[in-house]
Amino acid sequence: MQRTKVLAVLVLCLIVILAGCSKQQTAQAPYRIGVVLDITGPASPLGTPEKETVEMLADQINRNGGINGHPVEFVILDNGSEETKCVLAVKKLIESHKVKAIIGSSTTGTTLAIAGICEKAKIPLVSCAAGIKITDPAKPYVFKTAQADIHAVAKIIDYLKEQKITKIAFISDSNAYGASGLEQMKIQAPDAGVTIVASEVFGSKDTDMTAQLTRIAAKKPEAVICWGTNPGPAIVAKNMKQLGIKAPLVMSHGIANKKFIELAGDAANGIVFPAGRLIVADAIPDSDPQKATLLEYADQFRNAFKKSPDTFGGHAWDAVQIVVKAMEKAGDDPTKIRDEIENTKGFVGIGGVFNFSPTDHNGLSKDAFVMVSIKGGEWTLLQ
């Protein structure tokens, strides 16, 4: 009888232990988030700081207990700055890794290539790219954190009007980002009394733009607008200096990292462009609602990687935070995550203060930008 009682107690203890282990395993089941970025290839100046930021945040989130006790697994894949590779990477994330949300990609072209896949699979996608066509018209499962080119053009138009510039030349990358910038300038310029007297394109891998710039110079524009991401815009800046073109050079927000200054050298000085507040965070007023967040991210990034943060890493910071906050409320159900992202209001991020809605999956306006100039190889806030 005594042996039977002892055995019963042991069995009961074993059941309790196993139940506890099972409960613990369930509580610790990881939430898996896919990340696809342009880590190598022409757009690596964008994808590299984005990847670094995701890795930094992954460590922070998991050290702080994950999401409601669930560790977070970020599955990071490189698309090599190629649309086909981006498609394959996203299919792998969805089909093999069973991710519940995806962050990426870094560029407009690679993002547009995967948007339909995420829509069909009903997996939320939060892009780090700028092209307005990513979210306009709004697609149920596609969002983005980069400030849109429609707002960047609007900010530049305001600047041109202030400077009383009415004749411009436009030179842009032949990729989707460059095409979108040109399209927006053609739409907005006429209403502002601005005429585009010349329009040229360059390839993402081109190493010389003197032919295009020589044709532009012949049209005698009052300013040259360049739309692209590194390295192309840096080559444009250097070639303009070599050709002695004196017209002011205005760039897009696609140059908002130190890599541009490194590539362009002295030719970077004097360039003006719209950018998020991160790169001039020290100069913005203390009353700005973003300032504390910007300075905290900058300090964390410098401590982690021993270099300055930039706008593109900030896009990834925003994307991760938005997805994680949604998962805190929705768990790892993709449809519920989508719903929570769309309901995001007043989120103070690196790119601006986000307010998503069913018709606005970017959640920003031109107020997310400030105008910045480059002086002595440093960013300077234009007052």
Protein backbone atom coordinates (compact mmCIF):
# COMPACT_ATOMS: atom_id res chain seq x y z
CA MET A 1 0.00 0.00 0.00
CA GLN A 2 2.80 2.36 0.97
CA ARG A 3 4.66 1.55 -2.26
CA THR A 4 1.48 2.28 -4.21
CA LYS A 5 1.13 5.67 -2.51
CA VAL A 6 4.78 6.52 -3.21
CA LEU A 7 4.38 5.49 -6.83
CA ALA A 8 1.23 7.57 -7.14
CA VAL A 9 3.02 10.60 -5.72
CA LEU A 10 5.93 10.12 -8.13
CA VAL A 11 3.59 9.81 -11.10
CA LEU A 12 1.72 12.93 -9.99
CA CYS A 13 5.00 14.83 -9.65
CA LEU A 14 6.07 13.67 -13.10
CA ILE A 15 2.76 14.85 -14.58
CA VAL A 16 3.16 18.25 -12.92
CA ILE A 17 6.75 18.56 -14.17
CA LEU A 18 5.82 17.58 -17.71
CA ALA A 19 2.85 19.94 -17.69
CA GLY A 20 5.10 22.72 -16.47
CA CYS A 21 7.67 21.99 -19.16
CA SER A 22 4.97 21.92 -21.82
CA LYS A 23 3.57 25.23 -20.60
CA GLN A 24 7.05 26.74 -20.47
CA GLN A 25 7.81 25.57 -24.01
CA THR A 26 4.53 27.03 -25.27
CA ALA A 27 5.20 30.36 -23.53
CA GLN A 28 8.67 30.50 -25.06
CA ALA A 29 7.70 29.63 -28.63
CA PRO A 30 9.47 32.23 -30.79
CA TYR A 31 7.74 34.84 -32.90
CA ARG A 32 9.40 34.80 -36.31
CA ILE A 33 9.78 38.00 -38.36
CA GLY A 34 11.27 37.97 -41.84
CA VAL A 35 13.70 40.65 -43.00
CA VAL A 36 14.82 41.08 -46.62
CA LEU A 37 17.21 43.94 -47.39
CA ASP A 38 19.63 45.19 -50.06
CA ILE A 39 22.67 44.27 -47.99
CA THR A 40 24.96 43.81 -50.98
CA GLY A 41 24.87 45.29 -54.49
CA PRO A 42 24.36 48.93 -55.53
CA ALA A 43 21.90 49.67 -52.71
CA SER A 44 24.12 48.29 -49.93
CA PRO A 45 24.61 51.80 -48.42
CA LEU A 46 20.90 51.54 -47.56
CA GLY A 47 20.62 47.88 -46.65
CA THR A 48 23.73 47.65 -44.47
CA PRO A 49 22.67 50.16 -41.76
CA GLU A 50 19.17 48.67 -41.91
CA LYS A 51 20.55 45.19 -41.22
CA GLU A 52 22.72 46.52 -38.39
CA THR A 53 19.73 48.26 -36.82
CA VAL A 54 17.58 45.12 -36.98
CA GLU A 55 20.35 43.09 -35.31
CA MET A 56 20.77 45.73 -32.60
CA LEU A 57 17.04 45.79 -31.88
CA ALA A 58 16.77 41.99 -31.93
CA ASP A 59 19.32 41.83 -29.14
CA GLN A 60 17.58 44.56 -27.14
CA ILE A 61 14.12 43.01 -27.52
CA ASN A 62 15.22 39.53 -26.49
CA ARG A 63 17.31 40.77 -23.56
CA ASN A 64 14.16 42.50 -22.33
CA GLY A 65 12.05 39.34 -22.47
CA GLY A 66 10.96 39.30 -26.10
CA ILE A 67 7.32 39.98 -26.95
CA ASN A 68 5.09 39.01 -24.03
CA GLY A 69 7.60 36.32 -23.06
CA HIS A 70 8.13 35.06 -26.61
CA PRO A 71 11.67 35.39 -27.97
CA VAL A 72 11.76 37.09 -31.37
CA GLU A 73 13.62 35.46 -34.23
CA PHE A 74 14.54 37.81 -37.07
CA VAL A 75 15.33 35.82 -40.21
CA ILE A 76 17.50 38.19 -42.28
CA LEU A 77 18.07 37.55 -45.99
CA ASP A 78 20.03 39.57 -48.57
CA ASN A 79 18.49 40.27 -51.98
CA GLY A 80 21.71 41.60 -53.51
CA SER A 81 19.80 44.71 -54.67
CA GLU A 82 18.05 42.56 -57.30
CA GLU A 83 14.31 42.20 -57.75
CA THR A 84 14.44 38.52 -58.75
CA LYS A 85 16.54 37.61 -55.71
CA CYS A 86 14.17 39.63 -53.53
CA VAL A 87 11.20 37.61 -54.79
CA LEU A 88 12.99 34.33 -54.09
CA ALA A 89 14.00 35.52 -50.61
CA VAL A 90 10.43 36.50 -49.70
CA LYS A 91 9.03 33.20 -50.92
CA LYS A 92 11.61 31.42 -48.76
CA LEU A 93 10.67 33.52 -45.73
CA ILE A 94 6.98 32.74 -46.17
CA GLU A 95 7.12 29.11 -47.28
CA SER A 96 10.17 27.74 -45.44
CA HIS A 97 10.63 29.98 -42.41
CA LYS A 98 6.90 30.56 -41.82
CA VAL A 99 7.40 34.18 -40.81
CA LYS A 100 4.40 36.15 -39.57
CA ALA A 101 5.48 39.56 -40.88
CA ILE A 102 8.21 40.86 -43.19
CA ILE A 103 10.37 43.98 -42.97
CA GLY A 104 11.90 45.25 -46.21
CA SER A 105 13.01 45.77 -48.78
CA SER A 106 15.45 48.70 -48.95
CA THR A 107 14.54 50.08 -52.38
CA THR A 108 11.39 50.89 -54.30
CA GLY A 109 12.02 48.39 -57.08
CA THR A 110 12.72 45.42 -54.83
CA THR A 111 9.73 46.30 -52.64
CA LEU A 112 7.32 46.57 -55.57
CA ALA A 113 8.55 43.17 -56.75
CA ILE A 114 7.41 41.50 -53.52
CA ALA A 115 4.34 43.51 -52.54
CA GLY A 116 1.96 41.30 -54.49
CA ILE A 117 3.44 38.14 -52.99
CA CYS A 118 2.84 39.39 -49.45
CA GLU A 119 -0.66 40.51 -50.38
CA LYS A 120 -1.51 37.07 -51.76
CA ALA A 121 -0.01 35.30 -48.74
CA LYS A 122 -1.66 37.80 -46.35
CA ILE A 123 1.64 38.46 -44.59
CA PRO A 124 2.15 42.08 -43.46
CA LEU A 125 5.03 43.81 -45.26
CA VAL A 126 6.61 46.96 -43.82
CA SER A 127 8.98 48.43 -46.41
CA CYS A 128 11.96 50.69 -45.77
CA ALA A 129 11.72 52.22 -49.27
CA ALA A 130 10.39 55.59 -50.40
CA GLY A 131 8.46 55.22 -53.65
CA ILE A 132 4.88 56.47 -53.35
CA LYS A 133 3.59 53.58 -55.48
CA ILE A 134 4.41 51.16 -52.65
CA THR A 135 1.45 52.45 -50.65
CA ASP A 136 -0.57 54.52 -53.12
CA PRO A 137 -3.12 53.20 -53.61
CA ALA A 138 -3.16 51.51 -50.22
CA LYS A 139 -2.83 47.74 -50.29
CA PRO A 140 -4.22 45.89 -47.26
CA TYR A 141 -0.99 44.14 -46.23
CA VAL A 142 1.67 46.61 -47.46
CA PHE A 143 3.04 49.49 -45.36
CA LYS A 144 6.23 51.56 -45.39
CA THR A 145 8.26 53.72 -43.03
CA ALA A 146 10.45 55.78 -45.39
CA GLN A 147 9.13 59.25 -46.10
CA ALA A 148 7.45 59.24 -49.52
CA ASP A 149 8.92 60.88 -52.61
CA ILE A 150 5.66 62.79 -53.10
CA HIS A 151 6.44 64.64 -49.87
CA ALA A 152 10.15 65.02 -50.68
CA VAL A 153 9.26 66.69 -53.98
CA ALA A 154 6.77 68.95 -52.19
CA LYS A 155 9.50 70.00 -49.75
CA ILE A 156 11.91 70.72 -52.61
CA ILE A 157 9.23 72.72 -54.45
CA ASP A 158 8.81 74.88 -51.33
CA TYR A 159 12.58 75.45 -51.29
CA LEU A 160 12.68 76.36 -55.00
CA LYS A 161 9.90 78.91 -54.50
CA GLU A 162 11.74 80.45 -51.55
CA GLN A 163 14.86 80.76 -53.73
CA LYS A 164 12.78 82.12 -56.65
CA ILE A 165 14.02 79.32 -58.91
CA THR A 166 11.69 78.64 -61.83
CA LYS A 167 13.82 76.62 -64.30
CA ILE A 168 15.28 73.28 -63.29
CA ALA A 169 16.97 70.28 -64.85
CA PHE A 170 16.24 66.81 -63.53
CA ILE A 171 18.67 63.88 -63.57
CA SER A 172 17.61 60.59 -62.04
CA ASP A 173 18.45 56.94 -61.64
CA SER A 174 16.77 54.75 -64.24
CA ASN A 175 15.37 52.52 -61.47
CA ALA A 176 11.91 52.68 -59.88
CA TYR A 177 12.97 55.21 -57.24
CA GLY A 178 14.35 57.62 -59.83
CA ALA A 179 11.34 57.21 -62.08
CA SER A 180 8.96 57.89 -59.21
CA GLY A 181 10.81 61.07 -58.24
CA LEU A 182 10.68 62.35 -61.82
CA GLU A 183 6.99 61.52 -62.07
CA GLN A 184 6.22 63.46 -58.89
CA MET A 185 8.26 66.46 -60.05
CA LYS A 186 6.38 66.52 -63.36
CA ILE A 187 3.09 66.46 -61.44
CA GLN A 188 3.94 69.13 -58.86
CA ALA A 189 6.24 71.54 -60.70
CA PRO A 190 3.69 73.20 -63.04
CA ASP A 191 1.40 74.31 -60.21
CA ALA A 192 4.41 75.92 -58.53
CA GLY A 193 5.46 77.79 -61.67
CA VAL A 194 8.56 75.61 -62.07
CA THR A 195 9.59 74.42 -65.55
CA ILE A 196 11.70 71.32 -66.20
CA VAL A 197 14.01 72.42 -69.04
CA ALA A 198 15.97 69.15 -69.24
CA SER A 199 15.53 65.58 -68.04
CA GLU A 200 18.26 62.93 -68.05
CA VAL A 201 18.73 59.45 -66.56
CA PHE A 202 21.67 57.32 -65.48
CA GLY A 203 22.05 53.64 -64.66
CA SER A 204 22.51 52.49 -61.07
CA LYS A 205 25.93 51.07 -61.96
CA ASP A 206 27.09 53.93 -64.23
CA THR A 207 30.42 55.49 -63.31
CA ASP A 208 30.28 58.71 -65.34
CA MET A 209 27.45 61.15 -66.06
CA THR A 210 29.36 63.88 -67.93
CA ALA A 211 27.40 63.35 -71.17
CA GLN A 212 24.05 63.86 -69.45
CA LEU A 213 25.33 66.83 -67.47
CA THR A 214 26.82 68.46 -70.56
CA ARG A 215 23.39 68.35 -72.20
CA ILE A 216 21.86 69.76 -69.02
CA ALA A 217 24.37 72.62 -68.88
CA ALA A 218 23.43 73.63 -72.43
CA LYS A 219 19.86 74.29 -71.21
CA LYS A 220 21.10 76.77 -68.58
CA PRO A 221 18.88 75.64 -65.66
CA GLU A 222 18.74 77.71 -62.48
CA ALA A 223 19.13 74.52 -60.42
CA VAL A 224 19.78 70.82 -61.01
CA ILE A 225 17.71 68.22 -59.17
CA CYS A 226 19.25 64.75 -58.80
CA TRP A 227 17.10 61.77 -57.74
CA GLY A 228 18.79 58.56 -56.74
CA THR A 229 20.68 56.65 -54.07
CA ASN A 230 24.40 56.03 -53.74
CA PRO A 231 26.66 55.80 -55.62
CA GLY A 232 25.00 57.56 -58.59
CA PRO A 233 24.26 60.93 -56.94
CA ALA A 234 27.85 61.19 -55.68
CA ILE A 235 29.11 60.73 -59.24
CA VAL A 236 26.70 63.43 -60.44
CA ALA A 237 28.05 65.82 -57.81
CA LYS A 238 31.68 65.12 -58.75
CA ASN A 239 31.01 65.39 -62.49
CA MET A 240 29.17 68.70 -62.03
CA LYS A 241 32.17 70.10 -60.18
CA GLN A 242 34.56 68.79 -62.85
CA LEU A 243 32.47 70.41 -65.60
CA GLY A 244 32.28 73.69 -63.72
CA ILE A 245 28.49 73.76 -63.63
CA LYS A 246 27.58 76.51 -61.19
CA ALA A 247 23.85 75.88 -60.85
CA PRO A 248 22.83 74.82 -57.32
CA LEU A 249 22.54 71.05 -56.90
CA VAL A 250 19.53 69.76 -54.99
CA MET A 251 19.34 66.07 -54.11
CA SER A 252 16.62 63.72 -52.90
CA HIS A 253 16.39 62.13 -49.46
CA GLY A 254 18.15 59.14 -51.01
CA ILE A 255 21.56 60.58 -50.08
CA ALA A 256 20.90 60.95 -46.36
CA ASN A 257 23.84 58.93 -45.09
CA LYS A 258 27.55 59.56 -44.57
CA LYS A 259 28.40 57.24 -47.45
CA PHE A 260 27.31 59.97 -49.85
CA ILE A 261 29.74 62.48 -48.34
CA GLU A 262 32.48 59.85 -48.36
CA LEU A 263 31.87 59.12 -52.06
CA ALA A 264 31.35 62.70 -53.22
CA GLY A 265 34.17 64.28 -51.21
CA ASP A 266 34.45 68.06 -51.61
CA ALA A 267 31.77 67.98 -54.30
CA ALA A 268 29.21 67.28 -51.59
CA ASN A 269 29.61 70.74 -50.07
CA GLY A 270 26.78 73.12 -50.91
CA ILE A 271 24.26 70.42 -51.81
CA VAL A 272 20.76 70.88 -50.38
CA PHE A 273 18.21 68.10 -49.85
CA PRO A 274 15.17 67.10 -47.77
CA ALA A 275 15.82 64.61 -44.99
CA GLY A 276 14.39 63.21 -41.81
CA ARG A 277 15.51 64.89 -38.60
CA LEU A 278 17.91 62.15 -37.49
CA ILE A 279 21.02 63.47 -39.24
CA VAL A 280 20.55 66.92 -37.69
CA ALA A 281 19.02 65.78 -34.40
CA ASP A 282 21.33 67.91 -32.26
CA ALA A 283 20.19 71.05 -34.07
CA ILE A 284 16.42 70.64 -33.83
CA PRO A 285 14.58 72.32 -30.95
CA ASP A 286 14.22 70.47 -27.65
CA SER A 287 10.47 70.90 -28.02
CA ASP A 288 10.42 68.68 -31.11
CA PRO A 289 8.55 65.46 -30.18
CA GLN A 290 11.08 63.32 -32.05
CA LYS A 291 14.25 64.67 -30.47
CA ALA A 292 14.53 62.32 -27.48
CA THR A 293 13.86 59.26 -29.65
CA LEU A 294 16.35 60.38 -32.28
CA LEU A 295 19.14 60.99 -29.78
CA GLU A 296 18.51 57.68 -28.01
CA TYR A 297 18.69 55.71 -31.26
CA ALA A 298 21.81 57.62 -32.34
CA ASP A 299 23.58 56.85 -29.05
CA GLN A 300 22.63 53.18 -29.17
CA PHE A 301 23.78 52.81 -32.78
CA ARG A 302 27.11 54.55 -32.12
CA ASN A 303 27.76 52.36 -29.09
CA ALA A 304 26.93 49.21 -31.03
CA PHE A 305 28.77 49.91 -34.28
CA LYS A 306 31.23 52.74 -33.53
CA LYS A 307 29.86 54.92 -36.32
CA SER A 308 27.10 57.45 -36.86
CA PRO A 309 23.56 56.28 -37.65
CA ASP A 310 21.75 57.44 -40.77
CA THR A 311 18.31 57.83 -42.22
CA PHE A 312 18.17 54.34 -43.68
CA GLY A 313 18.92 52.57 -40.44
CA GLY A 314 16.17 54.74 -39.01
CA HIS A 315 13.67 53.32 -41.50
CA ALA A 316 14.45 49.83 -40.20
CA TRP A 317 14.15 51.02 -36.58
CA ASP A 318 10.67 52.32 -37.32
CA ALA A 319 9.65 49.15 -39.16
CA VAL A 320 10.81 46.85 -36.35
CA GLN A 321 9.16 48.93 -33.65
CA ILE A 322 5.86 49.14 -35.53
CA VAL A 323 5.75 45.37 -36.14
CA VAL A 324 6.77 44.53 -32.56
CA LYS A 325 4.19 46.88 -31.06
CA ALA A 326 1.54 45.27 -33.25
CA MET A 327 2.61 41.78 -32.10
CA GLU A 328 2.44 42.86 -28.47
CA LYS A 329 -1.28 43.35 -29.02
CA ALA A 330 -2.03 40.76 -31.69
CA GLY A 331 0.35 37.88 -31.02
CA ASP A 332 1.68 36.22 -34.15
CA ASP A 333 -1.52 36.10 -36.19
CA PRO A 334 -0.63 37.88 -39.47
CA THR A 335 -4.12 39.27 -40.06
CA LYS A 336 -4.34 40.69 -36.54
CA ILE A 337 -0.82 42.09 -36.88
CA ARG A 338 -1.94 43.85 -40.07
CA ASP A 339 -4.93 45.32 -38.29
CA GLU A 340 -2.82 46.65 -35.43
CA ILE A 341 -0.27 48.22 -37.81
CA GLU A 342 -3.06 49.99 -39.67
CA ASN A 343 -4.39 51.31 -36.34
CA THR A 344 -1.00 52.80 -35.37
CA LYS A 345 -1.50 56.38 -34.24
CA GLY A 346 0.93 58.93 -32.82
CA PHE A 347 3.95 56.62 -33.00
CA VAL A 348 7.04 58.79 -32.57
CA GLY A 349 9.65 57.22 -34.80
CA ILE A 350 12.90 58.12 -36.51
CA GLY A 351 11.24 59.09 -39.80
CA GLY A 352 8.49 61.15 -38.20
CA VAL A 353 5.33 60.80 -36.15
CA PHE A 354 3.31 58.01 -37.79
CA ASN A 355 -0.47 57.97 -38.15
CA PHE A 356 -1.63 55.08 -40.33
CA SER A 357 -5.18 54.66 -41.61
CA PRO A 358 -7.01 52.37 -44.05
CA THR A 359 -6.16 54.79 -46.87
CA ASP A 360 -2.68 55.87 -45.70
CA HIS A 361 -0.13 53.10 -45.13
CA ASN A 362 2.82 55.49 -44.82
CA GLY A 363 1.35 57.72 -42.14
CA LEU A 364 3.61 60.73 -42.77
CA SER A 365 3.41 64.14 -44.46
CA LYS A 366 5.99 66.58 -45.82
CA ASP A 367 6.38 67.80 -42.24
CA ALA A 368 8.46 64.67 -41.65
CA PHE A 369 11.20 66.44 -43.66
CA VAL A 370 13.55 69.29 -42.90
CA MET A 371 15.88 70.87 -45.45
CA VAL A 372 19.55 70.07 -44.95
CA SER A 373 22.71 71.39 -46.57
CA ILE A 374 26.22 69.98 -46.54
CA LYS A 375 28.97 72.30 -45.30
CA GLY A 376 32.52 71.23 -44.61
CA GLY A 377 31.55 67.61 -45.03
CA GLU A 378 28.85 67.85 -42.34
CA TRP A 379 25.05 68.01 -42.30
CA THR A 380 23.64 71.45 -41.48
CA LEU A 381 20.00 72.22 -40.73
CA LEU A 382 18.65 74.98 -42.96
CA GLN A 383 16.63 77.46 -40.93
